[in-house]
Protein backbone atom coordinates (compact mmCIF):
# COMPACT_ATOMS: atom_id res chain seq x y z
CA MET A 1 0.01 0.19 -0.03
CA ASP A 2 0.79 3.76 -0.39
CA GLY A 3 2.16 5.09 2.51
CA ALA A 4 1.23 8.64 4.27
CA GLY A 5 2.77 11.23 6.25
CA GLY A 6 3.28 14.88 7.44
CA ARG A 7 6.01 16.46 5.59
CA GLY A 8 7.08 19.66 8.35
CA GLU A 9 7.78 23.02 7.25
CA ARG A 10 8.35 21.86 3.42
CA GLY A 11 4.76 20.17 4.05
CA LYS A 12 3.26 23.87 5.32
CA ARG A 13 5.01 26.19 2.41
CA GLY A 14 3.35 23.69 0.52
CA ALA A 15 0.07 24.02 1.75
CA ARG A 16 0.30 27.88 1.54
CA ALA A 17 1.00 27.84 -2.08
CA ALA A 18 -1.69 25.09 -2.21
CA ALA A 19 -4.07 27.62 -0.56
CA SER A 20 -3.24 30.49 -3.14
CA ARG A 21 -4.03 28.25 -5.72
CA GLY A 22 -7.12 26.82 -4.31
CA ARG A 23 -8.39 30.74 -3.84
CA GLY A 24 -8.27 31.01 -7.52
CA ALA A 25 -9.57 27.88 -8.28
CA ALA A 26 -12.29 28.96 -6.34
CA ARG A 27 -13.13 32.08 -7.98
CA ALA A 28 -13.26 30.57 -11.54
CA ALA A 29 -15.47 27.54 -10.39
CA ALA A 30 -17.79 30.55 -9.22
CA ARG A 31 -17.22 32.12 -12.56
CA SER A 32 -18.48 28.82 -14.13
CA SER A 33 -21.46 28.79 -11.85
CA SER A 34 -22.39 32.10 -12.89
CA ARG A 35 -22.39 31.06 -16.44
CA GLY A 36 -25.41 28.38 -15.52
CA ARG A 37 -23.38 25.35 -15.97
CA GLY A 38 -24.76 22.46 -14.41
CA ALA A 39 -21.98 21.03 -11.79
CA GLY A 40 -23.48 17.66 -11.74
CA SER A 41 -24.30 15.14 -8.89
CA SER A 42 -22.85 12.58 -7.41
CA PRO A 43 -24.82 9.12 -6.72
CA ASP A 44 -26.45 7.87 -3.30
CA GLY A 45 -27.18 11.66 -2.30
CA ALA A 46 -23.30 12.40 -1.92
CA ALA A 47 -22.30 16.31 -1.81
CA THR A 48 -20.96 17.92 -4.59
CA LEU A 49 -18.02 19.07 -4.54
CA ARG A 50 -18.29 22.71 -5.53
CA ALA A 51 -16.30 25.97 -4.95
CA PRO A 52 -18.29 28.35 -2.77
CA ARG A 53 -20.13 31.34 -3.93
CA ARG A 54 -18.74 34.62 -2.44
CA ASP A 55 -22.38 36.02 -2.43
CA ALA A 56 -25.56 34.99 -3.83
CA SER A 57 -26.55 38.48 -5.19
CA THR A 58 -22.91 38.58 -7.20
CA VAL A 59 -23.65 41.22 -10.75
CA ARG A 60 -21.83 40.34 -12.91
CA ARG A 61 -22.01 42.56 -16.18
CA GLY A 62 -24.95 44.55 -14.49
CA ARG A 63 -26.97 41.62 -14.08
CA PRO A 64 -27.57 38.93 -11.37
CA ALA A 65 -25.53 36.07 -11.49
CA ARG A 66 -27.86 32.76 -12.06
CA ARG A 67 -27.69 29.58 -9.85
CA ALA A 68 -26.53 26.53 -11.68
CA SER A 69 -29.19 24.24 -12.21
CA ALA A 70 -28.11 20.83 -10.45
CA ALA A 71 -29.92 18.84 -12.65
CA ARG A 72 -28.06 19.80 -15.64
CA SER A 73 -25.27 17.23 -16.96
CA LEU A 74 -24.27 16.54 -19.89
CA PRO A 75 -24.31 13.50 -22.20
CA ALA A 76 -21.35 11.10 -21.98
CA GLY A 77 -22.48 8.57 -24.41
CA PRO A 78 -25.30 5.99 -24.16
CA ALA A 79 -24.20 2.73 -21.83
CA PRO A 80 -24.60 -0.96 -22.94
CA GLY A 81 -27.58 -1.15 -20.99
CA GLY A 82 -29.47 1.29 -22.22
CA GLY A 83 -28.89 3.78 -19.17
CA GLU A 84 -27.02 6.92 -18.84
CA ALA A 85 -23.35 7.76 -17.95
CA PRO A 86 -22.55 9.98 -15.14
CA PRO A 87 -22.75 13.75 -15.42
CA ALA A 88 -19.78 15.05 -17.59
CA PRO A 89 -17.86 18.22 -15.59
CA PRO A 90 -17.82 22.04 -17.36
CA SER A 91 -15.87 21.83 -20.25
CA ARG A 92 -14.59 24.20 -22.82
CA ALA A 93 -15.83 21.83 -25.73
CA PRO A 94 -18.56 21.86 -27.90
CA ALA A 95 -21.17 19.80 -26.12
CA ALA A 96 -21.70 17.47 -29.63
CA ARG A 97 -17.69 16.47 -29.47
CA ARG A 98 -17.60 15.25 -25.92
CA ARG A 99 -19.88 12.59 -26.38
CA ALA A 100 -18.06 8.94 -25.76
CA PRO A 101 -19.15 5.45 -25.75
CA VAL A 102 -19.23 3.86 -22.02
CA PRO A 103 -17.33 0.79 -21.78
CA ASP A 104 -18.27 -2.35 -22.28
CA GLY A 105 -19.74 -3.84 -19.21
CA ALA A 106 -19.01 -1.29 -17.02
CA VAL A 107 -21.93 0.54 -14.74
CA VAL A 108 -22.73 3.76 -14.58
CA ALA A 109 -23.98 6.12 -12.12
CA VAL A 110 -27.80 7.58 -12.40
CA ALA A 111 -28.19 11.57 -11.52
CA ARG A 112 -29.80 12.15 -8.06
CA PRO A 113 -30.21 15.30 -6.54
CA PRO A 114 -27.38 16.57 -4.64
CA ALA A 115 -26.91 17.09 -0.98
CA PRO A 116 -25.38 20.33 0.49
CA ALA A 117 -22.10 21.29 -1.16
CA ALA A 118 -18.97 20.46 0.13
CA GLY A 119 -17.57 23.91 -0.57
CA GLY A 120 -14.50 24.96 0.43
CA LEU A 121 -12.21 21.97 0.40
CA ARG A 122 -9.12 22.87 -1.00
CA LEU A 123 -8.15 19.17 -2.81
CA ARG A 124 -5.05 21.15 -4.06
CA GLU A 125 -3.76 21.25 -0.56
CA VAL A 126 -3.85 17.78 -0.14
CA LEU A 127 -2.46 16.99 -3.44
CA SER A 128 0.11 19.05 -2.24
CA ARG A 129 1.21 16.98 0.74
CA LEU A 130 0.97 13.77 -1.39
CA THR A 131 3.91 14.85 -3.53
CA LEU A 132 7.00 13.32 -3.17
CA ASP A 133 9.96 14.59 -2.22
CA ARG A 134 13.03 14.75 -4.97
CA GLN A 135 15.61 13.66 -2.41
CA ASP A 136 13.73 10.59 -0.50
CA VAL A 137 12.84 9.66 -4.49
CA SER A 138 16.75 9.77 -5.54
CA GLU A 139 17.85 7.93 -2.03
CA ALA A 140 14.99 5.38 -2.29
CA SER A 141 15.37 3.99 -5.88
CA GLY A 142 19.10 4.18 -5.65
CA LEU A 143 18.91 1.89 -2.83
CA VAL A 144 16.53 -0.48 -4.88
CA ASN A 145 18.63 -0.47 -7.96
CA GLN A 146 21.42 -1.60 -6.25
CA VAL A 147 19.32 -4.51 -4.76
CA ILE A 148 17.77 -5.45 -7.57
CA SER A 149 20.63 -5.20 -10.11
CA GLN A 150 23.06 -7.77 -7.88
CA LEU A 151 20.13 -10.16 -7.66
CA ILE A 152 19.37 -10.23 -11.13
CA GLN A 153 23.06 -11.05 -11.74
CA ALA A 154 23.04 -13.92 -9.23
CA ILE A 155 19.84 -15.20 -10.33
CA ARG A 156 21.06 -15.36 -13.93
CA SER A 157 24.22 -17.11 -13.10
CA LYS A 158 22.72 -19.78 -10.46
CA ASP A 159 20.31 -21.12 -12.45
CA ASN A 160 19.79 -22.15 -16.16
CA SER A 161 16.17 -21.54 -15.72
CA PHE A 162 16.36 -17.96 -15.17
CA SER A 163 19.34 -17.19 -17.65
CA SER A 164 17.57 -14.70 -19.62
CA ILE A 165 15.61 -12.84 -16.82
CA GLU A 166 14.93 -9.68 -17.73
CA ARG A 167 14.03 -6.37 -15.17
CA LEU A 168 10.39 -4.79 -15.82
CA SER A 169 9.31 -1.90 -13.70
CA ALA A 170 5.62 -1.78 -12.87
CA GLY A 171 3.40 -0.46 -10.33
CA SER A 172 2.43 3.39 -8.42
CA TYR A 173 6.03 4.79 -8.40
CA TYR A 174 7.15 3.79 -12.13
CA GLU A 175 3.54 4.89 -13.29
CA HIS A 176 3.92 8.45 -11.43
CA VAL A 177 0.85 7.90 -8.89
CA LYS A 178 2.91 6.97 -6.00
CA ILE A 179 2.04 9.04 -3.22
CA SER A 180 3.56 10.49 0.22
CA GLU A 181 6.36 8.22 0.33
CA PRO A 182 8.64 6.27 -1.93
CA ASN A 183 8.67 3.39 0.54
CA GLU A 184 7.12 0.24 -2.16
CA PHE A 185 8.21 -0.65 -5.32
CA ASP A 186 6.71 -3.71 -7.38
CA ILE A 187 9.42 -4.95 -9.82
CA MET A 188 8.64 -7.58 -12.31
CA LEU A 189 11.46 -10.34 -13.18
CA VAL A 190 10.56 -11.29 -16.82
CA ILE A 191 11.24 -14.73 -18.44
CA PRO A 192 10.68 -14.94 -21.96
CA VAL A 193 9.41 -18.22 -23.07
CA ALA A 194 8.58 -20.36 -26.34
CA ARG A 195 4.60 -19.96 -27.15
CA LEU A 196 2.30 -21.13 -24.61
CA GLN A 197 -1.12 -22.97 -24.66
CA LEU A 198 -3.19 -21.52 -22.51
CA ASP A 199 -6.22 -22.89 -20.87
CA GLU A 200 -8.82 -21.17 -18.88
CA CYS A 201 -9.30 -22.60 -15.51
CA ASP A 202 -12.21 -20.46 -14.54
CA ASP A 203 -14.61 -18.40 -15.92
CA THR A 204 -13.33 -14.87 -15.41
CA GLY A 205 -10.75 -14.85 -18.29
CA ALA A 206 -7.76 -13.75 -16.07
CA TYR A 207 -6.36 -17.03 -14.91
CA TYR A 208 -5.16 -19.87 -17.04
CA TYR A 209 -2.87 -23.35 -16.81
CA LEU A 210 0.00 -23.29 -18.97
CA LYS A 211 1.59 -25.89 -21.31
CA PHE A 212 5.11 -25.48 -23.77
CA LYS A 213 3.80 -25.62 -27.54
CA ARG A 214 7.63 -26.24 -27.97
CA ASN A 215 10.33 -26.75 -25.81
CA PRO A 216 11.76 -23.96 -24.48
CA LYS A 217 15.11 -22.57 -25.29
CA GLU A 218 16.05 -22.94 -21.33
CA LYS A 219 15.34 -26.54 -21.24
CA SER A 220 15.82 -26.74 -17.43
CA LEU A 221 12.47 -24.98 -17.38
CA LEU A 222 10.94 -28.32 -18.33
CA ASN A 223 11.68 -29.17 -14.93
CA PHE A 224 9.08 -26.95 -13.58
CA LEU A 225 6.07 -29.30 -15.00
CA ASP A 226 3.85 -30.93 -12.92
CA GLU A 227 2.71 -34.67 -13.20
CA ASP A 228 0.01 -33.48 -16.22
CA GLY A 229 2.66 -31.32 -18.09
CA LYS A 230 1.44 -27.94 -16.60
CA LEU A 231 4.19 -25.16 -15.85
CA SER A 232 3.86 -25.09 -12.19
CA ALA A 233 4.25 -21.27 -10.67
CA PHE A 234 4.84 -22.84 -7.02
CA LYS A 235 7.66 -24.70 -8.19
CA MET A 236 9.10 -21.94 -10.08
CA LEU A 237 8.53 -19.19 -7.26
CA GLN A 238 10.12 -21.74 -4.79
CA ALA A 239 12.77 -21.76 -6.98
CA LEU A 240 13.39 -18.41 -7.34
CA ARG A 241 12.95 -17.85 -3.73
CA HIS A 242 15.90 -19.94 -2.53
CA ILE A 243 17.95 -18.13 -4.81
CA ILE A 244 17.31 -14.52 -3.41
CA LYS A 245 17.22 -15.61 0.24
CA GLN A 246 20.68 -16.90 -0.50
CA GLU A 247 22.41 -13.86 -2.26
CA VAL A 248 20.50 -10.94 0.11
CA LYS A 249 23.16 -12.76 2.83
CA ASN A 250 26.06 -11.08 -0.02
CA ILE A 251 24.45 -7.83 -0.11
CA LYS A 252 26.92 -5.16 0.79
CA ASN A 253 26.46 -1.73 2.80
CA VAL A 254 22.70 -2.29 2.77
CA GLU A 255 20.34 -4.20 5.15
CA VAL A 256 18.34 -6.31 3.23
CA THR A 257 15.95 -9.35 4.47
CA VAL A 258 13.09 -11.62 2.80
CA LYS A 259 9.64 -11.48 4.16
CA ARG A 260 7.96 -14.87 4.74
CA ARG A 261 5.70 -16.00 2.04
CA LYS A 262 2.20 -14.97 1.80
CA ALA A 263 -0.14 -18.11 0.76
CA GLY A 264 -1.26 -17.34 -3.10
CA SER A 265 0.93 -14.54 -3.85
CA PRO A 266 2.88 -13.82 -6.39
CA ALA A 267 5.36 -11.62 -5.02
CA ILE A 268 8.66 -11.99 -3.66
CA THR A 269 8.97 -9.78 -0.75
CA LEU A 270 12.25 -7.67 0.43
CA GLN A 271 12.86 -5.43 3.34
CA ILE A 272 15.22 -2.80 2.77
CA LYS A 273 16.48 -0.77 5.88
CA ASN A 274 16.51 2.68 4.92
CA PRO A 275 16.78 4.58 8.53
CA PRO A 276 14.23 5.70 9.84
CA ALA A 277 12.17 4.20 7.68
CA GLU A 278 11.84 0.51 5.22
CA ILE A 279 11.39 0.30 1.87
CA SER A 280 9.54 -2.63 0.64
CA VAL A 281 10.00 -4.85 -2.70
CA ASP A 282 7.70 -6.87 -4.08
CA ILE A 283 9.24 -8.95 -6.95
CA ILE A 284 6.98 -11.02 -9.23
CA LEU A 285 7.86 -13.84 -11.53
CA THR A 286 6.27 -13.33 -14.47
CA LEU A 287 6.22 -14.91 -18.20
CA LYS A 288 6.74 -13.13 -21.40
CA ALA A 289 5.28 -14.87 -24.64
CA ASP A 290 5.67 -13.20 -28.09
CA GLN A 291 2.09 -14.21 -28.95
CA SER A 292 -1.58 -12.99 -29.34
CA TRP A 293 -3.80 -11.56 -26.22
CA PRO A 294 -6.30 -14.60 -25.65
CA PRO A 295 -9.98 -13.94 -26.71
CA SER A 296 -11.25 -13.13 -23.21
CA THR A 297 -9.49 -10.12 -23.88
CA GLN A 298 -10.84 -9.14 -27.46
CA ASP A 299 -13.92 -6.87 -26.32
CA GLY A 300 -11.63 -5.26 -23.32
CA LEU A 301 -9.19 -2.22 -23.56
CA LYS A 302 -11.78 0.40 -25.22
CA ILE A 303 -9.69 3.40 -25.72
CA GLU A 304 -10.58 4.24 -29.46
CA GLN A 305 -12.09 7.89 -28.34
CA TRP A 306 -9.56 8.19 -25.60
CA LEU A 307 -6.26 7.80 -26.82
CA GLY A 308 -7.32 6.27 -30.12
CA ARG A 309 -7.58 3.26 -32.72
CA LYS A 310 -3.67 2.85 -33.38
CA VAL A 311 -2.88 3.20 -29.88
CA ARG A 312 -5.16 0.29 -28.79
CA GLY A 313 -3.86 -2.02 -31.96
CA GLU A 314 0.17 -0.80 -30.99
CA PHE A 315 -1.15 -2.10 -27.42
CA ARG A 316 -2.69 -5.33 -28.20
CA TYR A 317 0.45 -6.40 -30.42
CA THR A 318 2.82 -5.84 -27.05
CA PRO A 319 3.73 -9.46 -25.87
CA LEU A 320 1.75 -11.56 -23.72
CA TYR A 321 2.60 -11.15 -19.92
CA LEU A 322 1.64 -13.87 -16.79
CA VAL A 323 2.20 -13.49 -13.17
CA ALA A 324 2.50 -16.81 -11.11
CA LYS A 325 -0.63 -16.17 -9.04
CA GLN A 326 -2.63 -18.85 -7.47
CA ASN A 327 -6.24 -18.76 -8.06
CA LYS A 328 -8.27 -18.79 -4.98
CA LYS A 329 -11.12 -20.38 -6.76
CA GLU A 330 -9.67 -23.71 -7.12
CA GLU A 331 -11.08 -26.42 -4.98
CA VAL A 332 -7.66 -27.91 -5.30
CA GLN A 333 -5.16 -25.70 -5.01
CA ARG A 334 -1.71 -27.29 -6.58
CA GLY A 335 0.01 -24.07 -7.14
CA ASN A 336 -0.24 -23.98 -10.95
CA THR A 337 -1.99 -21.39 -12.26
CA TRP A 338 -0.97 -18.00 -13.69
CA ARG A 339 -2.85 -14.57 -14.35
CA LEU A 340 -2.86 -12.30 -16.96
CA SER A 341 -0.87 -8.91 -16.72
CA PHE A 342 -1.43 -5.73 -18.31
CA SER A 343 0.92 -3.89 -16.14
CA HIS A 344 3.06 -2.82 -18.88
CA VAL A 345 0.07 -1.42 -20.81
CA GLU A 346 -0.93 0.62 -17.45
CA LYS A 347 2.11 2.19 -16.88
CA ALA A 348 2.17 3.47 -20.60
CA MET A 349 -1.42 4.77 -20.19
CA LEU A 350 -0.78 6.71 -17.20
CA ASN A 351 2.55 8.10 -18.60
CA ASN A 352 1.01 9.09 -21.85
CA HIS A 353 -2.51 9.90 -20.46
CA GLY A 354 -3.66 12.49 -22.77
CA GLN A 355 -5.62 12.66 -26.06
CA SER A 356 -3.57 15.41 -26.87
CA LYS A 357 0.23 14.62 -26.98
CA LYS A 358 1.58 17.48 -25.29
CA CYS A 359 -1.15 16.92 -21.82
CA CYS A 360 0.41 17.94 -18.98
CA GLU A 361 4.19 18.06 -20.52
CA SER A 362 5.97 21.48 -19.32
CA ASP A 363 5.06 23.55 -22.56
CA GLY A 364 1.52 21.72 -22.93
CA PRO A 365 -1.84 21.84 -20.87
CA LYS A 366 -2.06 20.22 -17.58
CA CYS A 367 -4.95 17.90 -16.80
CA CYS A 368 -6.25 16.87 -13.43
CA ARG A 369 -6.65 12.74 -14.50
CA LYS A 370 -3.70 11.30 -12.16
CA GLY A 371 -4.36 14.19 -9.32
CA CYS A 372 -7.77 12.49 -9.32
CA LEU A 373 -6.23 8.78 -8.77
CA LYS A 374 -3.94 10.28 -6.37
CA LEU A 375 -6.91 11.66 -4.31
CA LEU A 376 -9.15 8.31 -4.30
CA LYS A 377 -5.57 5.96 -3.75
CA TYR A 378 -5.42 8.22 -0.84
CA LEU A 379 -8.81 8.08 0.87
CA LEU A 380 -9.06 4.38 -0.03
CA GLU A 381 -5.65 4.13 1.93
CA GLN A 382 -6.96 6.27 5.16
CA LEU A 383 -10.04 4.49 5.18
CA LYS A 384 -8.22 1.01 5.57
CA ILE A 385 -6.12 2.06 8.45
CA LYS A 386 -9.06 3.06 10.02
CA HIS A 387 -11.37 -0.25 8.86
CA LYS A 388 -8.59 -2.35 8.51
CA LYS A 389 -10.90 -5.61 8.67
CA GLN A 390 -13.60 -4.54 6.98
CA LEU A 391 -11.51 -3.15 4.29
CA GLU A 392 -9.06 -6.11 3.73
CA LYS A 393 -10.56 -7.37 0.25
CA PHE A 394 -10.03 -3.70 -1.12
CA CYS A 395 -6.54 -2.45 -2.99
CA SER A 396 -5.54 0.24 -5.18
CA TYR A 397 -6.25 -1.76 -8.41
CA HIS A 398 -9.90 -1.60 -7.50
CA VAL A 399 -9.06 2.57 -7.82
CA LYS A 400 -7.17 2.40 -10.74
CA THR A 401 -9.51 0.34 -12.88
CA ALA A 402 -12.61 2.88 -11.88
CA PHE A 403 -10.10 5.25 -13.09
CA PHE A 404 -9.53 3.78 -16.63
CA HIS A 405 -13.26 3.36 -16.86
CA SER A 406 -13.85 7.05 -16.11
CA CYS A 407 -10.92 8.29 -18.75
CA VAL A 408 -12.66 6.20 -21.25
CA MET A 409 -16.47 7.64 -20.01
CA TRP A 410 -14.27 11.33 -20.54
CA PRO A 411 -12.10 10.71 -22.85
CA ARG A 412 -10.79 14.51 -23.92
CA ASP A 413 -8.10 16.36 -22.12
CA THR A 414 -10.97 19.62 -21.95
CA ASP A 415 -13.06 16.82 -19.50
CA TRP A 416 -10.10 16.93 -16.97
CA HIS A 417 -9.51 20.52 -16.97
CA TRP A 418 -6.51 21.23 -14.06
CA GLY A 419 -9.06 24.08 -13.15
CA ASP A 420 -11.90 21.80 -12.75
CA LEU A 421 -10.19 19.25 -9.90
CA ASP A 422 -13.16 19.20 -7.77
CA HIS A 423 -15.72 18.67 -10.03
CA CYS A 424 -13.82 16.18 -11.83
CA PHE A 425 -12.85 14.07 -8.54
CA GLN A 426 -16.33 14.34 -7.66
CA LYS A 427 -17.68 12.50 -10.85
CA TYR A 428 -14.65 10.06 -10.78
CA LEU A 429 -15.72 9.04 -6.85
CA GLY A 430 -19.46 9.24 -8.08
CA TYR A 431 -18.87 6.32 -10.83
CA PHE A 432 -16.66 4.04 -8.25
CA LEU A 433 -19.55 4.95 -5.46
CA ASP A 434 -22.24 3.58 -8.35
CA CYS A 435 -19.80 0.12 -8.99
CA LEU A 436 -19.50 -0.43 -5.52
CA GLN A 437 -23.64 -0.05 -5.27
CA LYS A 438 -23.89 -2.67 -7.98
CA SER A 439 -21.12 -4.73 -6.64
CA GLN A 440 -20.03 -4.76 -10.53
CA LEU A 441 -16.78 -3.02 -11.55
CA PRO A 442 -15.41 -4.79 -14.97
CA HIS A 443 -11.62 -5.24 -15.07
CA PHE A 444 -10.38 -2.92 -17.84
CA PHE A 445 -8.55 -5.84 -19.88
CA ILE A 446 -10.98 -8.45 -19.13
CA PRO A 447 -14.69 -7.55 -19.66
CA ARG A 448 -16.38 -10.51 -17.95
CA TYR A 449 -13.95 -10.35 -15.00
CA ASN A 450 -15.83 -8.74 -12.46
CA LEU A 451 -13.32 -7.09 -9.43
CA LEU A 452 -16.34 -6.43 -6.96
CA SER A 453 -17.75 -10.01 -6.50
CA LEU A 454 -21.31 -10.66 -5.08
CA GLU A 455 -19.94 -12.30 -2.35
CA ASP A 456 -18.17 -9.48 -0.74
CA LYS A 457 -21.29 -7.26 -0.95
CA ALA A 458 -21.04 -6.60 2.76
CA SER A 459 -17.88 -5.31 2.21
CA SER A 460 -18.54 -2.76 -0.88
CA ASP A 461 -21.69 -1.79 1.50
CA PHE A 462 -19.40 -0.82 3.95
CA LEU A 463 -17.12 1.15 1.90
CA SER A 464 -19.76 2.95 -0.12
CA ARG A 465 -21.09 4.22 3.22
CA GLN A 466 -17.39 5.31 4.71
CA ILE A 467 -16.92 7.30 1.46
CA ASN A 468 -20.26 8.75 1.17
CA ASN A 469 -19.75 9.90 5.00
CA GLN A 470 -16.70 11.43 3.84
CA LEU A 471 -18.08 13.02 0.98
CA ASN A 472 -21.12 14.27 3.12
CA ASN A 473 -18.62 16.08 5.58
CA ARG A 474 -16.01 17.43 3.37
CA PHE A 475 -13.54 14.96 3.70
CA PRO A 476 -12.38 15.02 7.72
CA ILE A 477 -10.13 12.02 7.09
CA PHE A 478 -8.00 14.06 4.44
CA GLN A 479 -7.38 16.86 7.55
CA GLU A 480 -6.70 14.12 10.11
CA SER A 481 -3.63 12.93 8.25
CA HIS A 482 -2.50 16.45 7.89
């Protein structure tokens, strides 16, 4: 999980700067409202994030300012089931150009009358506290690179099965959406393999049994086959863990330990001492095959209106990645299942997230997409700290999946204008709340795979109540952690 913490004097300076920007945003929002633009509404009666009006009797150009209609909303395109997409934010683009399809299988929020506005909340101030310190990042990434480089050399030399292993950095740090502290890293150790035969092991389309279609280049990989000829994730992880446990003893100048194995986890977790804190590194065993993605992915990655048809095609021509992940639905768990991974595509989408190629570049317009994602990640993280048992089934991947669906529903950069941060966060949060209410959050790449099981409806309802409570009370949890 992403860590959180205060930042002393540096945080106070950032807060003062953010407060100044927040006042400008409030004035901009007030002007927007005076033009009669609808600020939208959020599901379940949740409060709308809107900057406060300075005075109801404000006069602009000699005329009384009109109140924005709460019922107004801009169309976001038809939903698969005939419903409507959540209201789009105020935008500078013509309404006819803002239409976008709702992703296949995605649920959509229904407009409801808003609760009292949560005016005055300066989300930019919260974001400024979540920004990583450059020196901390440099020190942490330097330590991680030192440790991983030494481990990879040892792994390649000590077992022929892993002689061609490659490093692929993934996760929130490398997607530039890490919050608070650079204390968690995900490193995928990738083994290129010959063509694989994929056999689905359940109805999600995400988990597979693997067999080699032809003998692999590294013949020793055949040692990891089980009695049915299936490639055993458990055996490979066990061999990799053994090498890493031996090699960390040889790392000089840094204290590194290997955490105890978690049942069913695809990761080998290292703890690197970095006084006064620790850095956690998840090493994930991954296979890479140069072959087509399986049929379960055919209707996923609906980014044509957002990033373009050409980009979608390029992504789908990238190699197939699978991680050593146990499928918990198996009656008899033998450790021979693998799960599809799209970390490489997720990182590319987040780092090139704009419809315009210049979005968020130094000389381009700034959007608030990543800001919204960071805020919801932080909200979930803080709620999990308070309600660990009730929310243990939720993780940042739920938030990221809802984010990608939101980017598809509101594809234009003008839909995520930086000056509209409050409203954009509200509509994204509204979509996530509606997913929780319906217990329906389709995997972004595998539409038939629902990440919110009906079996966990009680957990979804609990999280929904907690988020609505925060929304209606102007997010006290953001202030508590200040």
